[in-house]
Protein backbone atom coordinates (compact mmCIF):
# COMPACT_ATOMS: atom_id res chain seq x y z
CA UNK A 1 0.10 -0.04 -0.16
CA UNK A 2 1.15 3.53 -0.67
CA UNK A 3 3.32 4.84 2.63
CA UNK A 4 0.84 7.79 3.19
CA UNK A 5 -1.83 5.27 3.57
CA UNK A 6 -0.08 3.02 6.05
CA UNK A 7 -1.02 5.23 9.02
CA UNK A 8 -4.52 6.07 7.88
CA UNK A 9 -5.17 2.12 7.62
CA UNK A 10 -3.31 1.12 10.81
CA UNK A 11 -4.72 3.66 13.23
CA UNK A 12 -8.52 2.47 13.00
CA UNK A 13 -7.21 -1.23 13.27
CA UNK A 14 -5.47 -0.62 16.37
CA UNK A 15 -8.32 1.43 17.79
CA UNK A 16 -10.44 -1.65 17.14
CA UNK A 17 -8.01 -3.87 19.12
CA UNK A 18 -6.46 -5.91 16.32
CA UNK A 19 -4.14 -8.75 17.43
CA UNK A 20 -0.82 -7.33 16.54
CA UNK A 21 0.97 -10.63 17.17
CA UNK A 22 -0.59 -12.48 14.12
CA UNK A 23 1.60 -13.53 11.19
CA UNK A 24 0.85 -14.33 7.69
CA UNK A 25 1.50 -17.75 6.10
CA UNK A 26 5.13 -17.01 5.58
CA UNK A 27 5.70 -15.91 9.26
CA UNK A 28 5.95 -12.16 8.54
CA UNK A 29 4.45 -9.85 11.41
CA UNK A 30 2.59 -6.85 11.12
CA UNK A 31 5.24 -4.98 13.13
CA UNK A 32 7.72 -6.06 10.15
CA UNK A 33 5.38 -4.85 7.61
CA UNK A 34 4.90 -1.42 9.53
CA UNK A 35 8.83 -1.05 9.80
CA UNK A 36 9.08 -1.24 6.10
CA UNK A 37 6.93 1.70 5.56
CA UNK A 38 8.72 4.85 4.67
CA UNK A 39 6.42 7.40 6.45
CA UNK A 40 5.18 5.46 9.35
CA UNK A 41 4.76 7.90 12.51
CA UNK A 42 6.85 6.39 15.46
CA UNK A 43 3.77 6.57 17.86
CA UNK A 44 2.24 3.65 15.77
CA UNK A 45 5.37 1.58 16.17
CA UNK A 46 5.53 2.34 19.92
CA UNK A 47 1.61 1.11 20.13
CA UNK A 48 2.32 -2.26 18.25
CA UNK A 49 5.20 -2.81 20.65
CA UNK A 50 3.20 -1.82 23.72
CA UNK A 51 0.34 -4.35 22.67
CA UNK A 52 2.70 -7.19 22.35
CA UNK A 53 4.35 -7.24 18.73
CA UNK A 54 7.92 -8.42 18.94
CA UNK A 55 10.51 -6.00 18.04
CA UNK A 56 13.00 -8.53 17.49
CA UNK A 57 11.13 -10.41 14.85
CA UNK A 58 12.80 -11.07 11.54
CA UNK A 59 11.76 -11.87 7.87
CA UNK A 60 12.44 -15.40 6.72
CA UNK A 61 15.67 -13.99 4.79
CA UNK A 62 16.79 -12.67 8.14
CA UNK A 63 15.78 -9.06 7.65
CA UNK A 64 15.19 -7.19 11.04
CA UNK A 65 12.67 -4.54 11.86
CA UNK A 66 15.60 -1.97 12.45
CA UNK A 67 16.97 -3.21 8.87
CA UNK A 68 13.57 -2.54 7.29
CA UNK A 69 13.09 0.88 8.74
CA UNK A 70 16.72 1.82 7.86
CA UNK A 71 16.06 1.07 4.15
CA UNK A 72 13.32 3.67 4.36
CA UNK A 73 15.35 6.37 6.03
CA UNK A 74 12.92 6.28 9.09
CA UNK A 75 14.96 7.44 12.06
CA UNK A 76 12.22 7.88 14.54
CA UNK A 77 10.99 4.27 13.98
CA UNK A 78 14.46 3.17 14.28
CA UNK A 79 14.76 4.99 17.82
CA UNK A 80 11.63 3.27 18.88
CA UNK A 81 12.76 0.01 17.95
CA UNK A 82 16.19 0.33 19.54
CA UNK A 83 14.62 1.59 22.70
CA UNK A 84 12.45 -1.66 22.73
CA UNK A 85 15.66 -3.91 22.23
CA UNK A 86 15.26 -4.55 18.73
CA UNK A 87 18.22 -6.07 17.22
CA UNK A 88 20.02 -4.70 14.02
CA UNK A 89 19.85 -6.42 10.44
CA UNK A 90 22.58 -8.48 9.20
CA UNK A 91 24.81 -7.27 6.40
CA UNK A 92 23.97 -8.73 2.91
CA UNK A 93 25.27 -12.21 2.39
CA UNK A 94 26.59 -11.16 -1.11
CA UNK A 95 29.76 -9.08 -1.75
CA UNK A 96 29.58 -5.45 -2.60
CA UNK A 97 32.64 -4.58 -4.56
CA UNK A 98 34.38 -1.38 -4.60
CA UNK A 99 33.32 1.33 -7.29
CA UNK A 100 35.48 1.18 -10.59
CA UNK A 101 34.79 4.51 -12.33
CA UNK A 102 34.55 4.36 -16.13
CA UNK A 103 36.58 7.10 -18.15
CA UNK A 104 33.41 8.46 -19.68
CA UNK A 105 29.78 8.21 -20.05
CA UNK A 106 30.21 6.28 -23.41
CA UNK A 107 32.41 3.60 -21.63
CA UNK A 108 30.23 3.51 -18.73
CA UNK A 109 27.16 2.74 -20.96
CA UNK A 110 29.20 0.10 -23.21
CA UNK A 111 30.00 -1.94 -20.26
CA UNK A 112 26.58 -1.71 -18.74
CA UNK A 113 24.55 -3.05 -21.81
CA UNK A 114 25.83 -6.64 -22.01
CA UNK A 115 24.99 -7.37 -18.50
CA UNK A 116 21.55 -5.43 -18.54
CA UNK A 117 20.54 -7.11 -21.93
CA UNK A 118 21.69 -10.45 -20.49
CA UNK A 119 19.65 -9.89 -17.57
CA UNK A 120 16.69 -8.68 -19.56
CA UNK A 121 16.53 -11.85 -21.32
CA UNK A 122 17.17 -14.32 -18.54
CA UNK A 123 14.49 -12.77 -16.32
CA UNK A 124 11.86 -13.24 -19.02
CA UNK A 125 12.88 -16.75 -19.64
CA UNK A 126 12.73 -17.83 -16.19
CA UNK A 127 9.91 -15.81 -14.71
CA UNK A 128 7.67 -16.12 -17.76
CA UNK A 129 6.34 -12.59 -17.21
CA UNK A 130 7.46 -9.10 -17.93
CA UNK A 131 8.87 -6.86 -15.16
CA UNK A 132 9.58 -3.25 -15.11
CA UNK A 133 13.12 -3.53 -13.37
CA UNK A 134 14.48 -6.23 -15.84
CA UNK A 135 12.63 -5.68 -19.08
CA UNK A 136 10.78 -2.40 -19.52
CA UNK A 137 13.65 -0.23 -18.06
CA UNK A 138 16.17 -2.17 -20.14
CA UNK A 139 14.19 -1.26 -23.37
CA UNK A 140 14.39 2.29 -22.28
CA UNK A 141 18.28 2.09 -21.70
CA UNK A 142 18.57 0.18 -25.02
CA UNK A 143 16.51 2.64 -27.01
CA UNK A 144 18.34 5.78 -25.70
CA UNK A 145 21.72 3.90 -25.95
CA UNK A 146 21.04 3.22 -29.64
CA UNK A 147 19.81 6.76 -30.40
CA UNK A 148 23.06 8.12 -29.05
CA UNK A 149 25.32 5.98 -30.99
CA UNK A 150 26.16 3.23 -28.63
CA UNK A 151 26.11 -0.20 -29.83
CA UNK A 152 23.61 -2.46 -28.55
CA UNK A 153 23.06 -6.24 -29.08
CA UNK A 154 20.03 -5.87 -31.65
CA UNK A 155 19.38 -9.56 -31.93
CA UNK A 156 18.68 -9.54 -28.24
CA UNK A 157 16.69 -6.45 -28.36
CA UNK A 158 14.47 -7.52 -31.22
CA UNK A 159 13.98 -10.98 -29.75
CA UNK A 160 12.81 -9.33 -26.32
CA UNK A 161 10.30 -6.97 -28.25
CA UNK A 162 8.84 -10.04 -30.07
CA UNK A 163 8.52 -12.18 -26.90
CA UNK A 164 6.97 -9.18 -25.03
CA UNK A 165 4.35 -8.79 -27.67
CA UNK A 166 3.60 -12.47 -27.52
CA UNK A 167 3.15 -12.23 -23.96
CA UNK A 168 0.65 -9.48 -24.18
CA UNK A 169 -1.23 -11.38 -27.00
CA UNK A 170 -1.67 -14.29 -24.28
CA UNK A 171 -3.35 -11.61 -21.95
CA UNK A 172 -5.46 -9.98 -24.68
CA UNK A 173 -8.56 -11.87 -24.12
CA UNK A 174 -8.62 -11.45 -20.45
CA UNK A 175 -7.59 -7.88 -20.69
CA UNK A 176 -10.79 -7.36 -22.60
CA UNK A 177 -12.72 -8.94 -19.66
CA UNK A 178 -11.41 -6.74 -17.32
CA UNK A 179 -8.75 -9.16 -16.03
CA UNK A 180 -5.61 -7.47 -15.75
CA UNK A 181 -1.70 -8.91 -15.70
CA UNK A 182 -0.49 -9.04 -12.10
CA UNK A 183 -0.20 -5.58 -10.91
CA UNK A 184 -2.91 -4.30 -13.28
CA UNK A 185 -2.09 -0.77 -14.28
CA UNK A 186 1.10 -0.58 -12.59
CA UNK A 187 2.45 -3.59 -14.68
CA UNK A 188 0.69 -2.89 -18.00
CA UNK A 189 1.80 0.69 -18.12
CA UNK A 190 5.28 -0.29 -17.75
CA UNK A 191 5.08 -2.89 -20.34
CA UNK A 192 3.56 -0.28 -22.81
CA UNK A 193 6.15 2.33 -21.93
CA UNK A 194 9.07 -0.25 -22.56
CA UNK A 195 7.58 -1.26 -26.00
CA UNK A 196 7.13 2.24 -26.88
CA UNK A 197 10.66 3.18 -26.17
CA UNK A 198 11.38 0.29 -28.76
CA UNK A 199 8.92 1.98 -31.16
CA UNK A 200 6.89 -1.41 -31.18
CA UNK A 201 3.83 -0.92 -33.39
CA UNK A 202 0.38 -1.11 -32.01
CA UNK A 203 -1.85 -4.20 -32.58
CA UNK A 204 -4.73 -5.98 -31.29
CA UNK A 205 -2.86 -6.69 -27.93
CA UNK A 206 -1.79 -3.15 -27.04
CA UNK A 207 -5.33 -1.98 -28.11
CA UNK A 208 -6.80 -4.29 -25.39
CA UNK A 209 -4.14 -3.32 -22.85
CA UNK A 210 -4.96 0.63 -23.53
CA UNK A 211 -8.57 -0.04 -23.05
CA UNK A 212 -7.85 -1.88 -19.82
CA UNK A 213 -5.73 0.99 -18.54
CA UNK A 214 -8.40 3.55 -19.72
CA UNK A 215 -11.02 1.55 -17.31
CA UNK A 216 -8.89 1.76 -14.39
CA UNK A 217 -8.63 5.65 -14.42
CA UNK A 218 -10.28 7.49 -11.63
CA UNK A 219 -12.90 10.36 -12.10
CA UNK A 220 -10.21 12.72 -10.93
CA UNK A 221 -7.70 11.77 -13.72
CA UNK A 222 -5.11 9.81 -11.84
CA UNK A 223 -4.41 5.96 -11.30
CA UNK A 224 -3.86 4.40 -8.03
CA UNK A 225 -0.94 2.46 -7.36
CA UNK A 226 -1.81 -1.24 -6.61
CA UNK A 227 1.32 -2.59 -5.15
CA UNK A 228 3.89 -1.24 -2.53
CA UNK A 229 7.15 -2.12 -3.55
CA UNK A 230 9.19 0.95 -3.18
CA UNK A 231 10.42 2.84 -5.07
CA UNK A 232 9.45 1.40 -8.28
CA UNK A 233 5.87 0.83 -7.42
CA UNK A 234 4.94 3.25 -4.69
CA UNK A 235 3.70 6.33 -6.20
CA UNK A 236 0.31 7.62 -7.91
CA UNK A 237 2.30 9.96 -9.92
CA UNK A 238 4.38 7.57 -11.45
CA UNK A 239 1.77 5.09 -12.46
CA UNK A 240 -0.43 7.99 -13.76
CA UNK A 241 2.50 9.46 -15.78
CA UNK A 242 3.15 5.99 -17.42
CA UNK A 243 -0.39 5.33 -17.87
CA UNK A 244 -1.09 8.58 -19.47
CA UNK A 245 2.07 7.96 -21.61
CA UNK A 246 0.63 4.39 -22.74
CA UNK A 247 -2.56 5.83 -23.73
CA UNK A 248 -0.84 8.71 -25.93
CA UNK A 249 1.03 6.03 -27.99
CA UNK A 250 -1.13 2.97 -27.79
CA UNK A 251 -4.80 4.53 -27.78
CA UNK A 252 -6.76 2.52 -30.50
CA UNK A 253 -7.52 4.81 -33.44
CA UNK A 254 -11.11 3.88 -33.36
CA UNK A 255 -11.67 5.64 -29.96
CA UNK A 256 -9.16 8.42 -30.19
CA UNK A 257 -11.46 11.05 -28.77
CA UNK A 258 -12.21 9.08 -25.80
CA UNK A 259 -8.72 8.49 -24.86
CA UNK A 260 -7.56 12.02 -25.48
CA UNK A 261 -10.11 13.04 -23.03
CA UNK A 262 -8.63 10.67 -20.41
CA UNK A 263 -5.01 11.89 -21.28
CA UNK A 264 -6.07 15.34 -20.80
CA UNK A 265 -7.48 14.48 -17.22
CA UNK A 266 -4.37 12.68 -16.45
CA UNK A 267 -2.13 15.77 -17.41
CA UNK A 268 -4.22 18.11 -15.33
CA UNK A 269 -3.80 16.06 -12.32
CA UNK A 270 -0.32 15.62 -12.88
CA UNK A 271 0.45 19.06 -13.11
CA UNK A 272 -0.90 19.78 -9.59
CA UNK A 273 -0.30 16.50 -7.90
CA UNK A 274 1.41 16.31 -4.50
CA UNK A 275 4.93 15.16 -4.55
CA UNK A 276 6.96 13.88 -1.63
CA UNK A 277 9.71 11.55 -3.13
CA UNK A 278 12.10 11.71 -5.88
CA UNK A 279 10.26 9.04 -7.70
CA UNK A 280 7.12 11.51 -7.55
CA UNK A 281 9.10 14.44 -8.69
CA UNK A 282 10.88 12.67 -11.64
CA UNK A 283 7.85 11.20 -12.89
CA UNK A 284 5.78 14.36 -12.42
CA UNK A 285 8.42 16.22 -14.63
CA UNK A 286 8.20 13.36 -17.24
CA UNK A 287 4.57 13.41 -17.51
CA UNK A 288 4.65 17.36 -17.79
CA UNK A 289 6.99 16.92 -20.69
CA UNK A 290 4.94 14.23 -22.36
CA UNK A 291 1.74 16.17 -22.04
CA UNK A 292 3.43 19.27 -23.49
CA UNK A 293 2.82 21.25 -20.45
CA UNK A 294 3.78 24.88 -20.59
CA UNK A 295 7.52 25.85 -20.33
CA UNK A 296 6.95 27.83 -16.97
CA UNK A 297 5.18 24.75 -15.33
CA UNK A 298 7.99 22.50 -16.58
CA UNK A 299 10.70 24.79 -15.12
CA UNK A 300 8.97 25.11 -11.89
CA UNK A 301 8.91 21.31 -11.46
CA UNK A 302 12.59 21.05 -12.78
CA UNK A 303 13.60 23.50 -10.10
CA UNK A 304 12.01 21.53 -7.47
CA UNK A 305 13.86 18.39 -8.54
CA UNK A 306 17.30 20.02 -8.94
CA UNK A 307 16.90 21.55 -5.33
CA UNK A 308 16.91 18.17 -4.12
CA UNK A 309 20.45 17.43 -5.50
CA UNK A 310 23.06 16.43 -2.86
CA UNK A 311 26.49 17.92 -2.55
CA UNK A 312 27.92 14.81 -3.92
CA UNK A 313 26.09 15.45 -7.16
CA UNK A 314 23.36 12.50 -6.52
CA UNK A 315 19.90 12.33 -5.45
CA UNK A 316 18.47 10.25 -2.86
CA UNK A 317 15.15 8.26 -3.06
CA UNK A 318 13.92 9.84 0.38
CA UNK A 319 15.44 12.56 2.51
CA UNK A 320 16.85 10.24 5.01
CA UNK A 321 18.58 8.02 2.69
CA UNK A 322 21.78 8.58 0.84
CA UNK A 323 22.36 9.54 -2.82
CA UNK A 324 22.16 6.44 -5.23
CA UNK A 325 22.11 5.36 -8.78
CA UNK A 326 18.32 4.92 -9.11
CA UNK A 327 17.35 8.23 -7.87
CA UNK A 328 20.15 10.12 -9.65
CA UNK A 329 19.63 8.26 -12.88
CA UNK A 330 15.98 8.81 -12.72
CA UNK A 331 16.36 12.53 -11.93
CA UNK A 332 18.75 13.31 -14.71
CA UNK A 333 16.41 11.38 -17.25
CA UNK A 334 13.45 13.39 -16.39
CA UNK A 335 15.42 16.67 -16.35
CA UNK A 336 16.65 15.88 -19.79
CA UNK A 337 13.72 14.15 -21.66
CA UNK A 338 11.30 17.03 -20.20
CA UNK A 339 13.50 19.63 -21.81
CA UNK A 340 14.39 21.36 -18.60
CA UNK A 341 18.10 20.55 -18.81
CA UNK A 342 20.69 19.56 -21.26
CA UNK A 343 23.51 17.12 -20.61
CA UNK A 344 25.85 20.33 -20.82
CA UNK A 345 24.13 21.72 -17.86
CA UNK A 346 26.26 22.06 -14.46
CA UNK A 347 23.51 20.21 -12.59
CA UNK A 348 23.28 17.37 -15.23
CA UNK A 349 27.35 17.05 -15.40
CA UNK A 350 27.40 16.76 -11.50
CA UNK A 351 24.84 13.99 -11.42
CA UNK A 352 26.71 12.19 -14.34
CA UNK A 353 29.92 12.50 -12.68
CA UNK A 354 28.18 10.87 -9.42
CA UNK A 355 27.13 8.09 -11.51
CA UNK A 356 30.60 7.52 -13.14
CA UNK A 357 32.08 7.50 -9.59
CA UNK A 358 29.62 5.01 -8.51
CA UNK A 359 29.85 2.28 -11.22
CA UNK A 360 31.21 -1.19 -10.74
CA UNK A 361 33.57 -2.73 -13.05
CA UNK A 362 31.07 -5.18 -14.43
CA UNK A 363 28.73 -2.21 -15.47
CA UNK A 364 26.20 -2.52 -12.68
CA UNK A 365 25.52 0.02 -9.83
CA UNK A 366 24.43 -1.31 -6.31
CA UNK A 367 21.28 -0.23 -4.58
CA UNK A 368 19.94 -1.88 -1.36
CA UNK A 369 16.02 -3.12 -1.70
CA UNK A 370 13.50 -1.06 0.25
CA UNK A 371 10.48 -3.56 -0.92
CA UNK A 372 8.89 -5.71 1.53
CA UNK A 373 9.65 -9.26 -0.06
CA UNK A 374 6.59 -10.58 -1.49
CA UNK A 375 7.77 -13.02 -4.30
CA UNK A 376 10.29 -16.06 -4.45
CA UNK A 377 13.64 -14.92 -5.20
CA UNK A 378 15.38 -16.30 -8.00
CA UNK A 379 18.72 -15.39 -9.83
CA UNK A 380 19.04 -13.58 -13.21
CA UNK A 381 22.64 -13.31 -13.66
CA UNK A 382 22.59 -9.64 -12.36
CA UNK A 383 24.80 -9.26 -9.10
CA UNK A 384 23.68 -8.62 -5.46
CA UNK A 385 21.51 -11.48 -4.57
CA UNK A 386 18.20 -10.25 -2.99
CA UNK A 387 18.96 -6.58 -3.88
CA UNK A 388 19.44 -7.42 -7.52
CA UNK A 389 16.13 -6.20 -8.98
CA UNK A 390 16.24 -2.59 -7.51
CA UNK A 391 20.05 -2.70 -8.55
CA UNK A 392 19.11 -3.78 -12.13
CA UNK A 393 16.41 -0.92 -12.11
CA UNK A 394 18.86 1.74 -10.77
CA UNK A 395 21.54 0.41 -13.39
CA UNK A 396 18.99 1.00 -16.06
CA UNK A 397 18.13 4.49 -14.98
CA UNK A 398 21.90 5.38 -14.47
CA UNK A 399 23.01 3.96 -17.87
CA UNK A 400 20.15 5.76 -19.51
CA UNK A 401 21.13 8.99 -17.95
CA UNK A 402 24.71 8.68 -19.07
CA UNK A 403 23.57 7.63 -22.61
CA UNK A 404 22.13 11.28 -22.74
CA UNK A 405 25.58 12.74 -22.13
CA UNK A 406 27.24 10.54 -24.78
CA UNK A 407 28.86 12.82 -27.36
CA UNK A 408 28.21 11.49 -30.94
């Protein structure tokens, strides 16, 4: 659930005397779920503990409540947990190598692409479904790299587009019946975004997906995020921007007027939507660019995003966290793609240098996961164990940002 709704849902449950010691079928407690919430007020955590929730509980993978709260930068909750005797989380069992900076944006992108494209193909083959972190974002990276003169493996890129097209076709009839792919608009909008990056043509399957997305729009013009897997799936702004973009590219011709009205509603909502995270700000800016908002509105949103840049040149996902490749790459892509900055601007150069400085020798960037684990883990050939999916997403945003800085 979105972080701003955690407290809103938990308070009435606590008021009704909910049993705070229960666990789900995998042994995960309410306290652990609360600890993973980015914006949970400390008083709720204290109430859970006072009513018998175990502050020393751990997830099956060994993650502790303090470890989960630290990943969200929730210092107040960490203090409450420490006061209650909670134990800190173990360090990752996988090695985190030292950074090995590339000599230039081109060099960084060139050594990233083989790893990204290999993991893109492996994930789709093993999972049998399309992910935003391994597949759709890789399509964005490949397209931007290609357009800036960086060589990509075209055989893999084309094969992935074809496989994803067949995957959508396998869901076409269900989508027409109102049955969405797991993740609903969150997932479908990312899939269509990836296809649009690779200029995949519209067909009956994309028509069905666009129709499904349209049905999910709220009367106010936005789409609600379904999952809560921060930072990738945690923002109404993000899903609304991508849903709007999906309709712009893949709205069926026979109903263009109906879809155009939905796009206008989404654009209006995005223009004044409340933003609290870098994910929000980046996707609001991307949405403003896609909807051809006024230059004044784009500049205002861009200034707010630039103001969040740290002294090290990077951006953080949340105020309580350090700069990382996910937030930094995302911010730079949004600033450049919206037309607010060019790769020659000082803010962009500082961000690009942060990314160059933090890349590993294998072409990856490391970012720890903040998402509460909900799916069985499996390997895709990308490093960092249980942190690999967010690190894959971060590496795609970082490589995409650096591709924009490649001199042709």
